[in-house]
Amino acid sequence: MNDIVPGDGERAGQARRIATICYALYAAAFLVGGLTAVAAVIVGYLKREDAAGTWVASHLEWQIRTFWYCVAGLVVGGATMFVLIGFPILAATVLWAVWRLVRGWLALSEGRPIDTARLF
């Protein structure tokens, strides 16, 4: 796989590698209880400025928003487990996170930006 899309530039190529690492960290979070997602969001915040102005910046924004929306979903789901509605909320949050991870990673691998305004 070629890391740099034609006309991409070295800065976008480096940002693309960072976004790929972050997607991998988010995927690993499903195996290690979310710990790597915290690392991914920190890297995303630290590298967001480096990616500014490139098509990859949308992926870092997508990843950061996914993290915070998931935190919100997990908090609401956890807080409402005692009335049983929390279980479907937690399940929906996990499925939604998987959907965002797959959708974003596929777009990145195809060299396309992602529409950060969309929730799905």
Protein backbone atom coordinates (compact mmCIF):
# COMPACT_ATOMS: atom_id res chain seq x y z
CA MET A 1 0.00 0.00 0.00
CA ASN A 2 1.29 3.40 -0.93
CA ASP A 3 1.30 5.76 2.05
CA ILE A 4 1.09 8.92 -0.01
CA VAL A 5 -1.77 9.67 -2.37
CA PRO A 6 -0.68 11.41 -5.61
CA GLY A 7 -0.53 15.14 -4.97
CA ASP A 8 -0.63 14.50 -1.25
CA GLY A 9 2.65 16.01 -0.07
CA GLU A 10 4.91 14.88 2.71
CA ARG A 11 3.03 16.76 5.45
CA ALA A 12 -0.24 15.04 4.53
CA GLY A 13 1.59 11.74 4.21
CA GLN A 14 2.91 12.06 7.76
CA ALA A 15 -0.52 13.09 9.01
CA ARG A 16 -2.01 10.07 7.23
CA ARG A 17 0.40 7.76 9.07
CA ILE A 18 -0.57 9.38 12.38
CA ALA A 19 -4.30 8.99 11.59
CA THR A 20 -3.71 5.33 10.71
CA ILE A 21 -1.97 4.77 14.04
CA CYS A 22 -4.85 6.49 15.84
CA TYR A 23 -7.43 4.30 14.07
CA ALA A 24 -5.40 1.25 15.13
CA LEU A 25 -5.30 2.49 18.72
CA TYR A 26 -9.07 2.98 18.68
CA ALA A 27 -9.53 -0.55 17.30
CA ALA A 28 -7.25 -1.94 20.00
CA ALA A 29 -9.39 -0.20 22.63
CA PHE A 30 -12.07 -2.84 22.07
CA LEU A 31 -9.59 -5.46 23.29
CA VAL A 32 -8.01 -3.61 26.21
CA GLY A 33 -10.97 -1.79 27.71
CA GLY A 34 -10.57 1.63 26.15
CA LEU A 35 -7.09 2.46 27.39
CA THR A 36 -5.61 2.88 23.92
CA ALA A 37 -8.50 5.17 22.92
CA VAL A 38 -7.25 7.66 25.50
CA ALA A 39 -3.79 7.50 23.91
CA ALA A 40 -5.35 7.95 20.46
CA VAL A 41 -7.31 11.05 21.42
CA ILE A 42 -4.21 12.59 23.02
CA VAL A 43 -2.19 11.94 19.85
CA GLY A 44 -5.08 13.35 17.79
CA TYR A 45 -5.09 16.58 19.77
CA LEU A 46 -1.30 16.87 19.64
CA LYS A 47 -1.11 16.28 15.88
CA ARG A 48 -4.26 18.12 14.81
CA GLU A 49 -2.38 21.34 14.14
CA ASP A 50 0.27 19.52 12.07
CA ALA A 51 -2.48 18.12 9.83
CA ALA A 52 -4.36 21.44 9.49
CA GLY A 53 -4.99 22.33 5.86
CA THR A 54 -4.64 18.75 4.62
CA TRP A 55 -7.39 16.31 3.76
CA VAL A 56 -6.25 14.17 6.71
CA ALA A 57 -7.27 16.84 9.23
CA SER A 58 -10.87 15.70 8.80
CA HIS A 59 -9.89 12.24 10.03
CA LEU A 60 -8.27 13.52 13.19
CA GLU A 61 -11.36 15.64 13.88
CA TRP A 62 -13.58 12.59 13.17
CA GLN A 63 -11.56 10.51 15.64
CA ILE A 64 -11.62 13.15 18.36
CA ARG A 65 -15.38 13.65 18.04
CA THR A 66 -15.95 9.89 18.02
CA PHE A 67 -14.01 9.60 21.28
CA TRP A 68 -16.02 12.29 23.07
CA TYR A 69 -19.39 11.10 21.76
CA CYS A 70 -18.49 7.60 22.96
CA VAL A 71 -17.52 8.92 26.37
CA ALA A 72 -20.91 10.65 26.57
CA GLY A 73 -22.74 7.49 25.46
CA LEU A 74 -20.85 5.35 27.95
CA VAL A 75 -21.53 7.77 30.81
CA VAL A 76 -25.25 7.97 30.01
CA GLY A 77 -25.47 4.21 29.49
CA GLY A 78 -23.58 3.50 32.69
CA ALA A 79 -25.69 5.93 34.69
CA THR A 80 -28.95 4.42 33.44
CA MET A 81 -28.08 0.74 33.78
CA PHE A 82 -30.08 0.50 37.00
CA VAL A 83 -33.29 1.16 35.03
CA LEU A 84 -32.18 -1.27 32.31
CA ILE A 85 -32.21 1.34 29.51
CA GLY A 86 -28.47 1.66 29.99
CA PHE A 87 -27.74 -1.71 28.43
CA PRO A 88 -29.19 -0.82 25.01
CA ILE A 89 -27.52 2.59 25.22
CA LEU A 90 -24.15 0.95 25.89
CA ALA A 91 -24.68 -1.56 23.07
CA ALA A 92 -25.70 1.20 20.65
CA THR A 93 -22.66 3.26 21.65
CA VAL A 94 -20.29 0.37 20.96
CA LEU A 95 -21.92 -0.44 17.61
CA TRP A 96 -21.84 3.22 16.63
CA ALA A 97 -18.15 3.43 17.56
CA VAL A 98 -17.37 0.38 15.42
CA TRP A 99 -19.30 1.94 12.52
CA ARG A 100 -17.35 5.22 12.82
CA LEU A 101 -14.04 3.39 13.10
CA VAL A 102 -14.67 1.27 10.00
CA ARG A 103 -16.13 4.16 7.98
CA GLY A 104 -13.27 6.49 8.83
CA TRP A 105 -10.49 3.95 8.34
CA LEU A 106 -11.88 2.93 4.94
CA ALA A 107 -12.05 6.55 3.80
CA LEU A 108 -8.48 7.11 5.01
CA SER A 109 -7.23 4.04 3.19
CA GLU A 110 -8.91 5.31 0.01
CA GLY A 111 -7.27 8.71 0.40
CA ARG A 112 -10.54 10.55 0.98
CA PRO A 113 -11.42 13.14 3.63
CA ILE A 114 -14.42 12.40 5.79
CA ASP A 115 -17.42 14.63 6.47
CA THR A 116 -16.98 15.48 10.15
CA ALA A 117 -20.43 17.04 10.42
CA ARG A 118 -22.09 13.63 10.04
CA LEU A 119 -22.78 11.41 13.03
CA PHE A 120 -23.09 8.27 10.86
